Protein backbone atom coordinates (compact mmCIF):
# COMPACT_ATOMS: atom_id res chain seq x y z
CA UNK A 1 -34.73 77.27 129.14
CA UNK A 2 -36.30 80.25 129.70
CA UNK A 3 -39.29 80.22 131.89
CA UNK A 4 -41.32 83.16 129.74
CA UNK A 5 -41.02 81.47 126.59
CA UNK A 6 -40.16 77.52 128.15
CA UNK A 7 -38.13 76.28 125.52
CA UNK A 8 -35.95 72.83 125.23
CA UNK A 9 -34.24 72.47 122.14
CA UNK A 10 -35.26 75.51 120.75
CA UNK A 11 -38.87 74.35 119.69
CA UNK A 12 -41.53 76.50 121.71
CA UNK A 13 -43.41 74.27 124.29
CA UNK A 14 -46.63 76.88 123.44
CA UNK A 15 -46.68 76.78 120.02
CA UNK A 16 -49.94 76.35 118.71
CA UNK A 17 -51.92 77.65 121.49
CA UNK A 18 -54.61 80.17 120.99
CA UNK A 19 -54.31 83.65 123.31
CA UNK A 20 -57.55 82.40 125.15
CA UNK A 21 -55.80 78.56 125.75
CA UNK A 22 -52.14 80.10 127.41
CA UNK A 23 -51.58 78.98 130.74
CA UNK A 24 -52.96 80.52 133.28
CA UNK A 25 -52.04 81.36 137.34
CA UNK A 26 -51.01 77.95 138.72
CA UNK A 27 -54.17 76.56 140.67
CA UNK A 28 -53.37 73.54 140.44
CA UNK A 29 -55.83 72.09 137.29
CA UNK A 30 -56.12 72.98 134.01
CA UNK A 31 -59.17 75.69 133.42
CA UNK A 32 -62.10 74.07 131.96
CA UNK A 33 -61.66 70.73 133.48
CA UNK A 34 -63.08 68.97 136.31
CA UNK A 35 -61.35 69.09 140.00
CA UNK A 36 -59.64 65.79 140.57
CA UNK A 37 -61.83 63.13 142.11
CA UNK A 38 -60.30 63.29 145.82
CA UNK A 39 -61.00 66.96 145.51
CA UNK A 40 -65.05 66.44 144.51
CA UNK A 41 -65.88 63.03 145.42
CA UNK A 42 -68.36 63.33 148.61
CA UNK A 43 -67.11 61.75 151.61
CA UNK A 44 -69.23 58.87 152.87
CA UNK A 45 -71.55 59.36 155.78
CA UNK A 46 -69.97 58.64 158.73
CA UNK A 47 -70.80 55.09 160.30
CA UNK A 48 -71.35 55.46 164.25
CA UNK A 49 -68.79 53.25 165.77
CA UNK A 50 -71.50 50.98 167.52
CA UNK A 51 -73.30 50.09 164.86
CA UNK A 52 -70.19 49.01 162.50
CA UNK A 53 -68.06 46.17 162.62
CA UNK A 54 -64.80 47.09 164.79
CA UNK A 55 -62.61 46.35 161.20
CA UNK A 56 -64.93 48.73 159.05
CA UNK A 57 -64.35 51.47 161.80
CA UNK A 58 -60.69 50.86 161.96
CA UNK A 59 -60.47 51.37 158.20
CA UNK A 60 -62.84 54.10 158.30
CA UNK A 61 -60.02 55.84 161.01
CA UNK A 62 -57.80 55.14 158.79
CA UNK A 63 -58.77 56.59 155.58
CA UNK A 64 -59.82 59.68 157.43
CA UNK A 65 -56.45 59.93 158.78
CA UNK A 66 -55.09 59.40 155.23
CA UNK A 67 -57.14 61.73 153.91
CA UNK A 68 -55.79 64.43 156.53
CA UNK A 69 -52.66 63.41 155.56
CA UNK A 70 -52.85 64.26 151.91
CA UNK A 71 -54.76 67.32 152.55
CA UNK A 72 -51.81 68.35 154.67
CA UNK A 73 -49.33 67.59 152.06
CA UNK A 74 -51.78 69.03 148.96
CA UNK A 75 -51.52 72.60 151.11
CA UNK A 76 -47.64 72.45 151.40
CA UNK A 77 -46.53 71.46 147.91
CA UNK A 78 -46.02 74.33 145.65
CA UNK A 79 -47.79 75.27 142.67
CA UNK A 80 -47.11 73.03 139.07
CA UNK A 81 -44.08 75.23 138.02
CA UNK A 82 -42.49 75.69 141.24
CA UNK A 83 -42.65 72.03 141.94
CA UNK A 84 -41.87 70.99 138.33
CA UNK A 85 -38.69 73.26 138.02
CA UNK A 86 -37.62 71.47 141.82
CA UNK A 87 -37.87 67.93 140.42
CA UNK A 88 -36.10 68.68 137.03
CA UNK A 89 -33.40 70.57 139.40
CA UNK A 90 -33.25 67.53 141.69
CA UNK A 91 -33.23 65.01 138.70
CA UNK A 92 -30.17 66.88 136.93
CA UNK A 93 -28.13 66.60 140.30
CA UNK A 94 -29.06 62.81 140.70
CA UNK A 95 -28.26 62.27 137.01
CA UNK A 96 -24.98 63.84 137.04
CA UNK A 97 -24.03 62.63 140.52
CA UNK A 98 -24.47 58.86 139.70
CA UNK A 99 -23.43 59.32 136.13
CA UNK A 100 -20.17 60.81 137.18
CA UNK A 101 -19.20 58.13 139.90
CA UNK A 102 -19.95 55.51 137.75
CA UNK A 103 -17.51 57.24 135.24
CA UNK A 104 -15.02 57.55 137.40
CA UNK A 105 -15.03 53.57 138.39
CA UNK A 106 -14.53 53.08 134.91
CA UNK A 107 -17.78 51.42 134.18
CA UNK A 108 -18.27 53.26 130.90
CA UNK A 109 -16.68 51.87 127.84
CA UNK A 110 -15.47 52.93 124.17
CA UNK A 111 -18.54 51.12 123.05
CA UNK A 112 -20.92 53.62 123.55
CA UNK A 113 -18.95 56.42 125.19
CA UNK A 114 -15.97 56.56 123.44
CA UNK A 115 -18.03 56.48 120.22
CA UNK A 116 -20.12 59.59 120.74
CA UNK A 117 -16.98 61.16 122.01
CA UNK A 118 -15.20 60.79 118.99
CA UNK A 119 -18.43 61.62 116.80
CA UNK A 120 -18.83 65.19 118.84
CA UNK A 121 -15.43 66.12 119.02
CA UNK A 122 -15.34 65.87 115.30
CA UNK A 123 -18.13 67.97 115.06
CA UNK A 124 -16.68 70.55 117.66
CA UNK A 125 -13.62 70.91 114.96
CA UNK A 126 -15.96 71.14 111.69
CA UNK A 127 -15.15 67.65 110.73
CA UNK A 128 -17.27 64.93 109.56
CA UNK A 129 -18.18 62.27 112.57
CA UNK A 130 -15.47 59.89 111.84
CA UNK A 131 -15.01 57.61 114.35
CA UNK A 132 -12.50 55.11 114.23
CA UNK A 133 -13.56 52.57 117.55
CA UNK A 134 -16.20 51.68 114.77
CA UNK A 135 -13.30 50.97 112.17
CA UNK A 136 -11.15 52.89 109.93
CA UNK A 137 -12.93 56.35 108.40
CA UNK A 138 -16.13 55.06 109.76
CA UNK A 139 -18.64 57.67 109.26
CA UNK A 140 -20.93 57.33 112.16
CA UNK A 141 -23.88 58.59 110.42
CA UNK A 142 -23.69 55.43 108.39
CA UNK A 143 -24.68 53.44 111.73
CA UNK A 144 -27.42 55.35 112.72
CA UNK A 145 -28.99 58.52 111.71
CA UNK A 146 -28.52 61.42 114.42
CA UNK A 147 -27.51 64.79 113.37
CA UNK A 148 -29.02 66.22 116.45
CA UNK A 149 -25.62 65.58 117.90
CA UNK A 150 -24.47 68.50 116.47
CA UNK A 151 -25.96 70.80 119.10
CA UNK A 152 -23.93 69.12 121.59
CA UNK A 153 -20.54 70.41 119.81
CA UNK A 154 -20.31 73.86 120.93
CA UNK A 155 -20.63 72.70 124.76
CA UNK A 156 -17.94 70.27 124.09
CA UNK A 157 -15.53 72.70 122.22
CA UNK A 158 -15.81 74.82 125.35
CA UNK A 159 -15.47 71.84 127.63
CA UNK A 160 -13.46 68.81 126.13
CA UNK A 161 -14.10 65.43 127.52
CA UNK A 162 -16.44 62.54 128.10
CA UNK A 163 -17.61 63.85 131.30
CA UNK A 164 -19.49 66.94 129.28
CA UNK A 165 -21.13 64.27 127.07
CA UNK A 166 -22.77 62.86 130.68
CA UNK A 167 -23.74 66.16 131.73
CA UNK A 168 -25.28 67.01 128.59
CA UNK A 169 -27.43 63.96 128.84
CA UNK A 170 -28.13 64.28 132.58
CA UNK A 171 -29.33 67.52 131.74
CA UNK A 172 -31.66 66.31 128.77
CA UNK A 173 -33.18 63.81 130.50
CA UNK A 174 -34.09 65.65 133.67
CA UNK A 175 -35.53 68.23 131.52
CA UNK A 176 -38.31 65.60 131.00
CA UNK A 177 -39.37 65.87 134.03
CA UNK A 178 -40.77 69.42 133.78
CA UNK A 179 -43.63 69.12 131.59
CA UNK A 180 -44.82 65.85 132.88
CA UNK A 181 -44.57 67.27 136.52
CA UNK A 182 -46.78 70.29 135.61
CA UNK A 183 -49.29 68.39 133.84
CA UNK A 184 -49.78 66.08 136.64
CA UNK A 185 -50.16 68.79 139.12
CA UNK A 186 -52.75 70.87 136.80
CA UNK A 187 -54.37 67.92 135.83
CA UNK A 188 -54.70 65.83 138.85
CA UNK A 189 -53.70 67.54 141.91
CA UNK A 190 -50.53 68.67 143.67
CA UNK A 191 -50.30 65.17 145.23
CA UNK A 192 -50.24 63.31 141.92
CA UNK A 193 -47.84 65.60 140.21
CA UNK A 194 -45.26 64.92 142.95
CA UNK A 195 -45.78 61.19 142.49
CA UNK A 196 -45.67 61.04 138.78
CA UNK A 197 -42.61 63.66 138.50
CA UNK A 198 -40.58 61.41 141.35
CA UNK A 199 -42.12 58.49 139.34
CA UNK A 200 -40.70 59.40 136.11
CA UNK A 201 -37.45 61.20 137.30
CA UNK A 202 -36.46 58.22 139.33
CA UNK A 203 -37.92 55.49 136.51
CA UNK A 204 -35.73 52.31 136.04
CA UNK A 205 -35.84 52.94 132.36
CA UNK A 206 -34.20 56.62 132.76
CA UNK A 207 -31.86 55.11 135.25
CA UNK A 208 -30.49 52.69 132.62
CA UNK A 209 -29.91 55.52 130.47
CA UNK A 210 -28.36 58.14 132.36
CA UNK A 211 -25.77 55.89 134.42
CA UNK A 212 -24.39 54.05 131.39
CA UNK A 213 -22.35 55.67 128.34
CA UNK A 214 -24.01 58.24 126.19
CA UNK A 215 -26.63 57.57 123.70
CA UNK A 216 -28.53 59.95 121.05
CA UNK A 217 -31.67 59.13 122.36
CA UNK A 218 -31.30 61.49 125.42
CA UNK A 219 -32.30 63.86 122.83
CA UNK A 220 -35.67 62.20 122.19
CA UNK A 221 -36.72 62.09 125.99
CA UNK A 222 -37.66 65.39 126.46
CA UNK A 223 -38.87 66.12 123.13
CA UNK A 224 -41.56 63.02 123.44
CA UNK A 225 -42.23 64.37 127.08
CA UNK A 226 -42.75 67.91 125.72
CA UNK A 227 -44.93 66.25 122.78
CA UNK A 228 -47.12 63.84 124.64
CA UNK A 229 -48.02 67.12 127.26
CA UNK A 230 -49.31 68.90 124.45
CA UNK A 231 -51.48 65.92 123.48
CA UNK A 232 -52.62 65.49 126.37
CA UNK A 233 -53.90 69.05 126.87
CA UNK A 234 -55.12 68.97 123.28
CA UNK A 235 -52.43 71.15 121.45
CA UNK A 236 -52.25 69.64 118.49
CA UNK A 237 -49.48 71.94 116.67
CA UNK A 238 -47.16 71.96 119.52
CA UNK A 239 -47.38 68.14 119.79
CA UNK A 240 -46.29 67.89 116.20
CA UNK A 241 -43.82 70.56 116.64
CA UNK A 242 -42.09 68.77 119.47
CA UNK A 243 -42.08 65.57 117.40
CA UNK A 244 -40.51 66.55 113.82
CA UNK A 245 -37.18 66.80 115.68
CA UNK A 246 -37.42 62.98 116.16
CA UNK A 247 -36.31 62.95 112.67
CA UNK A 248 -32.78 63.87 113.64
CA UNK A 249 -32.26 61.88 116.56
CA UNK A 250 -32.46 58.57 115.06
CA UNK A 251 -33.84 56.62 112.21
CA UNK A 252 -36.82 54.66 113.70
CA UNK A 253 -38.06 57.63 115.44
CA UNK A 254 -39.65 58.52 112.43
CA UNK A 255 -42.31 56.10 113.14
CA UNK A 256 -43.30 57.82 116.61
CA UNK A 257 -43.67 60.97 114.70
CA UNK A 258 -46.15 58.97 112.45
CA UNK A 259 -47.88 57.48 115.59
CA UNK A 260 -48.39 61.07 116.90
CA UNK A 261 -49.62 62.46 113.69
CA UNK A 262 -52.15 59.32 113.69
CA UNK A 263 -53.33 60.08 117.42
CA UNK A 264 -53.77 63.91 116.11
CA UNK A 265 -55.81 62.79 112.96
CA UNK A 266 -57.94 60.40 115.64
CA UNK A 267 -58.75 63.32 118.26
CA UNK A 268 -59.26 65.79 115.78
CA UNK A 269 -61.63 63.56 113.78
CA UNK A 270 -63.41 62.88 116.92
CA UNK A 271 -63.74 66.27 117.92
CA UNK A 272 -64.87 67.29 114.03
CA UNK A 273 -67.89 64.53 114.30
CA UNK A 274 -68.91 66.45 117.72
CA UNK A 275 -69.55 69.70 116.10
CA UNK A 276 -66.12 70.96 117.61
CA UNK A 277 -64.15 73.29 115.83
CA UNK A 278 -60.62 71.28 114.44
CA UNK A 279 -59.77 73.31 111.35
CA UNK A 280 -56.77 72.16 109.81
CA UNK A 281 -55.54 70.01 112.43
CA UNK A 282 -56.77 66.70 110.99
CA UNK A 283 -54.67 67.77 107.86
CA UNK A 284 -51.85 68.79 110.41
CA UNK A 285 -51.76 65.26 111.79
CA UNK A 286 -51.76 63.29 108.22
CA UNK A 287 -48.85 65.24 107.14
CA UNK A 288 -46.98 63.92 110.52
CA UNK A 289 -47.57 60.37 109.48
CA UNK A 290 -46.45 61.20 105.91
CA UNK A 291 -43.30 63.18 107.27
CA UNK A 292 -42.51 60.33 110.04
CA UNK A 293 -43.13 57.10 107.56
CA UNK A 294 -41.03 58.90 104.70
CA UNK A 295 -38.42 60.16 106.84
CA UNK A 296 -37.91 56.86 108.37
CA UNK A 297 -37.89 55.28 105.09
CA UNK A 298 -35.26 57.76 103.18
CA UNK A 299 -33.00 57.55 106.49
CA UNK A 300 -33.13 53.77 106.28
CA UNK A 301 -32.79 53.10 102.70
CA UNK A 302 -30.97 56.33 101.50
CA UNK A 303 -28.72 57.97 103.80
CA UNK A 304 -27.70 55.39 105.92
CA UNK A 305 -26.72 53.11 103.06
CA UNK A 306 -24.98 56.30 101.47
CA UNK A 307 -23.03 56.77 104.71
CA UNK A 308 -22.38 53.24 105.63
CA UNK A 309 -18.58 51.99 104.61
CA UNK A 310 -20.35 48.56 103.48
CA UNK A 311 -22.91 50.34 101.38
CA UNK A 312 -25.87 49.40 103.58
CA UNK A 313 -27.97 49.80 106.89
CA UNK A 314 -25.88 47.30 109.51
CA UNK A 315 -29.24 46.30 111.41
CA UNK A 316 -31.66 44.68 108.72
CA UNK A 317 -30.19 41.42 110.06
CA UNK A 318 -31.73 41.98 113.58
CA UNK A 319 -35.39 42.68 111.79
CA UNK A 320 -37.54 39.42 110.84
CA UNK A 321 -36.53 38.48 107.07
CA UNK A 322 -33.12 39.82 107.35
CA UNK A 323 -33.50 42.56 105.05
CA UNK A 324 -35.91 45.29 103.91
CA UNK A 325 -37.45 42.47 101.39
CA UNK A 326 -37.48 39.83 103.84
CA UNK A 327 -40.64 38.28 102.57
CA UNK A 328 -43.34 36.60 104.68
CA UNK A 329 -41.58 33.75 106.09
CA UNK A 330 -39.45 36.28 108.31
CA UNK A 331 -42.94 37.98 109.15
CA UNK A 332 -44.48 34.62 110.59
CA UNK A 333 -41.49 34.14 112.35
CA UNK A 334 -41.52 37.33 114.33
CA UNK A 335 -45.47 37.02 114.95
CA UNK A 336 -44.23 33.33 116.70
CA UNK A 337 -42.00 35.16 118.80
CA UNK A 338 -43.66 38.50 119.33
CA UNK A 339 -44.02 37.41 123.14
CA UNK A 340 -41.52 34.79 123.31
CA UNK A 341 -38.57 34.12 125.38
CA UNK A 342 -40.25 35.19 128.35
CA UNK A 343 -38.13 38.08 128.84
CA UNK A 344 -39.96 39.83 126.91
CA UNK A 345 -43.14 39.34 129.16
CA UNK A 346 -40.88 40.97 131.89
CA UNK A 347 -40.23 43.98 129.86
CA UNK A 348 -43.96 44.11 129.39
CA UNK A 349 -44.96 43.96 133.27
CA UNK A 350 -41.74 46.58 133.83
CA UNK A 351 -43.32 48.81 131.47
CA UNK A 352 -46.97 48.72 132.89
CA UNK A 353 -45.65 48.50 136.62
CA UNK A 354 -44.62 51.67 137.29
CA UNK A 355 -48.14 53.35 136.38
CA UNK A 356 -50.08 50.90 138.59
CA UNK A 357 -51.48 49.49 135.09
CA UNK A 358 -53.83 51.78 134.87
CA UNK A 359 -51.76 54.03 132.89
CA UNK A 360 -52.55 51.43 130.27
CA UNK A 361 -56.05 52.48 129.93
CA UNK A 362 -55.14 55.68 128.04
CA UNK A 363 -54.87 55.69 124.17
CA UNK A 364 -51.60 57.50 124.46
CA UNK A 365 -49.73 54.50 125.44
CA UNK A 366 -50.27 53.45 121.72
CA UNK A 367 -47.64 55.93 120.96
CA UNK A 368 -45.16 53.04 122.24
CA UNK A 369 -45.90 50.69 119.86
CA UNK A 370 -43.76 51.63 117.28
CA UNK A 371 -40.49 51.42 119.52
CA UNK A 372 -41.84 48.21 121.66
CA UNK A 373 -42.64 46.73 117.97
CA UNK A 374 -39.23 46.52 116.41
CA UNK A 375 -37.85 45.66 119.57
CA UNK A 376 -39.90 42.82 120.24
CA UNK A 377 -39.62 41.42 116.79
CA UNK A 378 -35.82 41.93 116.46
CA UNK A 379 -33.07 39.30 117.08
CA UNK A 380 -31.17 41.04 119.68
CA UNK A 381 -31.65 39.83 123.25
CA UNK A 382 -30.24 43.19 124.41
CA UNK A 383 -33.73 44.80 122.77
CA UNK A 384 -35.74 42.89 125.26
CA UNK A 385 -34.00 43.13 128.40
CA UNK A 386 -34.98 45.69 131.09
CA UNK A 387 -31.45 47.01 131.69
CA UNK A 388 -30.76 49.18 128.80
CA UNK A 389 -31.22 52.55 127.56
CA UNK A 390 -33.15 51.34 124.68
CA UNK A 391 -36.42 51.93 127.56
CA UNK A 392 -35.68 55.52 128.23
CA UNK A 393 -37.89 56.95 125.52
CA UNK A 394 -41.04 55.00 126.52
CA UNK A 395 -40.73 56.23 129.85
CA UNK A 396 -42.49 59.69 129.35
CA UNK A 397 -45.18 57.66 127.20
CA UNK A 398 -46.56 55.25 130.12
CA UNK A 399 -46.47 58.12 132.97
CA UNK A 400 -48.42 60.65 130.18
CA UNK A 401 -51.15 57.56 129.86
CA UNK A 402 -51.25 57.49 133.90
CA UNK A 403 -51.88 61.46 134.05
CA UNK A 404 -54.34 61.14 130.88
CA UNK A 405 -56.50 58.31 132.74
CA UNK A 406 -56.44 60.17 136.16
CA UNK A 407 -57.85 63.31 134.24
CA UNK A 408 -60.10 62.09 131.98
CA UNK A 409 -61.57 59.40 133.95
CA UNK A 410 -61.70 60.94 137.37
CA UNK A 411 -64.98 58.55 138.16
CA UNK A 412 -62.91 55.49 137.96
CA UNK A 413 -60.58 56.43 140.48
CA UNK A 414 -62.76 58.20 143.54
CA UNK A 415 -60.44 59.38 146.34
CA UNK A 416 -59.54 55.95 147.99
CA UNK A 417 -58.75 54.22 144.72
CA UNK A 418 -57.08 57.35 143.62
CA UNK A 419 -54.69 57.35 146.63
CA UNK A 420 -54.00 53.11 146.22
CA UNK A 421 -52.91 53.88 142.69
CA UNK A 422 -50.41 56.52 143.84
CA UNK A 423 -49.19 54.29 146.17
CA UNK A 424 -48.26 51.72 144.06
CA UNK A 425 -46.86 53.73 141.52
CA UNK A 426 -44.53 55.70 144.33
CA UNK A 427 -43.72 51.74 145.78
CA UNK A 428 -42.59 50.44 142.10
CA UNK A 429 -40.74 53.37 142.16
CA UNK A 430 -38.94 53.07 145.33
CA UNK A 431 -38.39 49.45 144.53
CA UNK A 432 -36.87 50.04 141.32
CA UNK A 433 -34.27 52.86 142.34
CA UNK A 434 -33.21 50.53 145.01
CA UNK A 435 -32.31 47.86 142.54
CA UNK A 436 -31.00 50.03 139.41
CA UNK A 437 -27.85 52.29 139.78
CA UNK A 438 -29.13 55.30 141.48
CA UNK A 439 -28.23 53.17 144.87
CA UNK A 440 -24.81 53.86 144.01
CA UNK A 441 -25.52 57.32 146.09
CA UNK A 442 -25.67 55.21 149.28
CA UNK A 443 -22.97 52.67 148.92
CA UNK A 444 -19.23 54.12 150.25
CA UNK A 445 -17.63 52.16 147.59
CA UNK A 446 -19.13 54.17 144.82
CA UNK A 447 -17.58 57.17 146.23
CA UNK A 448 -14.17 55.55 146.44
CA UNK A 449 -11.90 55.19 143.20
CA UNK A 450 -10.60 51.68 143.10
CA UNK A 451 -7.03 50.85 142.86
CA UNK A 452 -7.14 49.46 139.68
CA UNK A 453 -8.82 52.88 138.17
CA UNK A 454 -5.93 54.51 140.06
CA UNK A 455 -3.32 52.38 137.90
CA UNK A 456 -5.03 52.71 134.75
CA UNK A 457 -5.21 56.24 135.00
CA UNK A 458 -1.33 56.60 135.43
CA UNK A 459 -0.62 54.17 132.81
CA UNK A 460 -2.79 55.95 130.12
CA UNK A 461 -1.30 59.05 131.22
CA UNK A 462 1.97 58.05 129.87
CA UNK A 463 0.29 58.51 125.99
CA UNK A 464 0.92 61.74 125.13
CA UNK A 465 -1.80 63.76 123.21
CA UNK A 466 -2.62 63.30 119.66
CA UNK A 467 -0.92 59.96 119.56
CA UNK A 468 -2.75 57.22 117.54
CA UNK A 469 -3.94 54.44 119.92
CA UNK A 470 -5.07 51.15 120.31
CA UNK A 471 -7.30 50.51 123.26
CA UNK A 472 -9.26 47.90 125.06
CA UNK A 473 -13.07 48.48 125.87
CA UNK A 474 -12.86 50.26 129.02
CA UNK A 475 -9.97 52.22 128.79
CA UNK A 476 -10.82 54.02 125.57
CA UNK A 477 -12.99 56.83 127.31
CA UNK A 478 -9.60 57.99 128.95
CA UNK A 479 -8.23 58.57 125.91
CA UNK A 480 -10.96 59.66 123.21
CA UNK A 481 -10.66 63.44 124.15
CA UNK A 482 -6.78 63.84 123.42
CA UNK A 483 -5.66 60.85 121.08
CA UNK A 484 -7.25 59.18 117.87
CA UNK A 485 -8.47 55.82 119.63
CA UNK A 486 -9.32 52.57 117.59
CA UNK A 487 -10.24 48.95 119.64
CA UNK A 488 -7.03 46.64 120.03
CA UNK A 489 -8.77 43.72 118.36
CA UNK A 490 -8.93 45.88 115.17
CA UNK A 491 -6.41 43.79 112.34
CA UNK A 492 -6.62 43.18 108.59
CA UNK A 493 -7.15 39.71 107.12
CA UNK A 494 -9.42 37.75 105.23
CA UNK A 495 -11.64 37.54 108.11
CA UNK A 496 -12.45 40.81 110.25
CA UNK A 497 -13.69 38.36 113.19
CA UNK A 498 -10.07 36.93 113.37
CA UNK A 499 -7.55 39.41 111.88
CA UNK A 500 -4.36 37.76 111.08
CA UNK A 501 -2.20 41.16 110.55
CA UNK A 502 -1.55 44.62 111.78
CA UNK A 503 -4.14 47.40 110.91
CA UNK A 504 -3.25 49.37 107.78
CA UNK A 505 -2.31 52.88 109.71
CA UNK A 506 -0.05 51.35 112.69
CA UNK A 507 -1.06 53.28 116.23
CA UNK A 508 1.89 54.65 118.04
CA UNK A 509 0.36 52.63 121.36
CA UNK A 510 -1.22 49.94 122.12
CA UNK A 511 -2.84 49.89 125.86
CA UNK A 512 -5.20 46.53 126.99
CA UNK A 513 -6.55 45.64 130.10
CA UNK A 514 -6.82 41.78 130.64
CA UNK A 515 -9.33 42.11 133.58
CA UNK A 516 -11.83 44.04 131.08
CA UNK A 517 -15.26 42.59 131.62
CA UNK A 518 -16.49 42.85 127.89
CA UNK A 519 -14.75 40.09 126.95
CA UNK A 520 -17.51 39.20 124.21
CA UNK A 521 -18.39 42.44 122.11
CA UNK A 522 -16.79 44.35 120.84
CA UNK A 523 -13.40 42.46 121.41
CA UNK A 524 -13.43 39.13 122.43
CA UNK A 525 -10.64 37.61 124.60
CA UNK A 526 -9.40 35.54 122.04
CA UNK A 527 -8.90 38.38 119.52
CA UNK A 528 -7.15 40.54 121.76
CA UNK A 529 -4.65 38.26 122.84
CA UNK A 530 -4.24 37.08 118.95
CA UNK A 531 -3.42 40.74 118.06
CA UNK A 532 -1.21 41.79 121.49
CA UNK A 533 1.08 38.52 119.85
CA UNK A 534 0.80 40.06 116.94
CA UNK A 535 2.05 43.79 117.94
CA UNK A 536 4.92 42.25 119.68
CA UNK A 537 5.97 40.31 116.99
CA UNK A 538 6.21 43.33 115.32
CA UNK A 539 8.50 44.79 117.50
CA UNK A 540 6.48 46.83 119.67
CA UNK A 541 8.12 46.64 122.96
CA UNK A 542 6.60 46.97 126.44
CA UNK A 543 6.37 49.77 128.45
CA UNK A 544 4.93 48.45 131.56
CA UNK A 545 2.40 46.66 132.86
CA UNK A 546 0.95 46.87 136.06
CA UNK A 547 -2.50 45.23 137.28
CA UNK A 548 -3.27 43.50 134.44
CA UNK A 549 -3.18 46.67 132.12
CA UNK A 550 -0.39 46.24 129.22
CA UNK A 551 1.31 49.36 127.69
CA UNK A 552 2.94 48.60 124.43
CA UNK A 553 4.90 51.07 122.18
CA UNK A 554 5.56 51.28 118.32
CA UNK A 555 8.99 50.81 117.50
CA UNK A 556 11.10 53.99 116.14
CA UNK A 557 11.09 54.08 112.33
CA UNK A 558 14.27 52.89 110.64
CA UNK A 559 16.08 55.95 109.40
């Protein structure tokens, strides 16, 4: 991004502003708005110590000491832009370090890092994103609709390898800290900017995404951060401009675009009733609603089935009714199980706690409902748990809610209460950072390569470039950048879950790790063992077996 134009993903952050609304010099607040409550609220009159109970006097002294400390911190913090750039750079370094450390420990897998590397590698060489890890000839655009991944292809062509995807993901996720930190600083003061910027950057939702594999939603996180910041600053055209590319990130995010459009319609409608000028903006919101809903419908009902080998959308069965026309029974079942099992309550708590539950007062948090809605009614328990990448797209929205409340309702949060809110948010951030994978940086074991990983690298190095390989899940990312990789459990037969024959296109090499912890999906342990026996029965001979890692080679073709 270049600072004068402030671009990310090619979309101008300042789109839709009038010249009079362009950002002024950094003064710590947005022009034309009230100062933060901690700067304007009158201090309470001092009570003489002789006339006050000891506890009250102690509280007053503590309050004055806290005010002095905050004042000193405010004086030393940089302006909105420098603070935002500093936190963004720090988050990029943090994300990259942790992601690469965990990758070096073989904690990533073919599902999903290997899948996305195969797709982006194909884009980089001008081919369709065919991913053998999903099945023979499987076009990944038939799984989820994410053509935006083509933007990574030029970088991958220059720096091929799985680590490139992890660094790109770290950069995109870190970029989301910039608009929120700058907005919080200008709208609620430098201390709020620091707390909210660090809270967003170290949030558990971001941690679960940047430290495990690669996913297309890394594009959605900064887009949503810039979009929701524009909404908070009433830059309606910029908000819609940042939201439109969500249609190219994933099929369900069109509903979030529609939610942005609905928010614009609601706010501009209120402005119009109040006599403010909002010419044409209401219609822009309506256009966003129509584009979002229609885009999701076209992607799920037309584009995905057209490119899917099975001719349908693979994830209908995880939604109520199991099909787009599932009927009323599925909807009733979904309503009854909307907040059950209790894991869903934990998810909602984890979303509200980083913003001290205060952010829920903001109408901006309504933008979380499209994503939360399908997750809570889905039958896949991974969608409910607070330890997967699905939560990353919600983090900018909940933190934007906190900024919005502190800015628009300062009378609700005078100095002391504001400090408590920020202190709670900072405390929760520290606790979550200690629990989630960011704590790897302080673990000596995280900086060492385990002996098992060194063995796996040595065995995989015996496979030549360009070969066809059947691999177990955790070993796949070692090979997807230089070979054509499928899963070792893939075969042929009447039951795909229990193949009785070898794949139609035989691999040149088979590599499998008996210690691979992903023993349920995508390759059950029994299925892997069955296929290894089939390969041996068809003449594949064992080259080596070290530390549970088996390497088989295809027999030479008969003359």
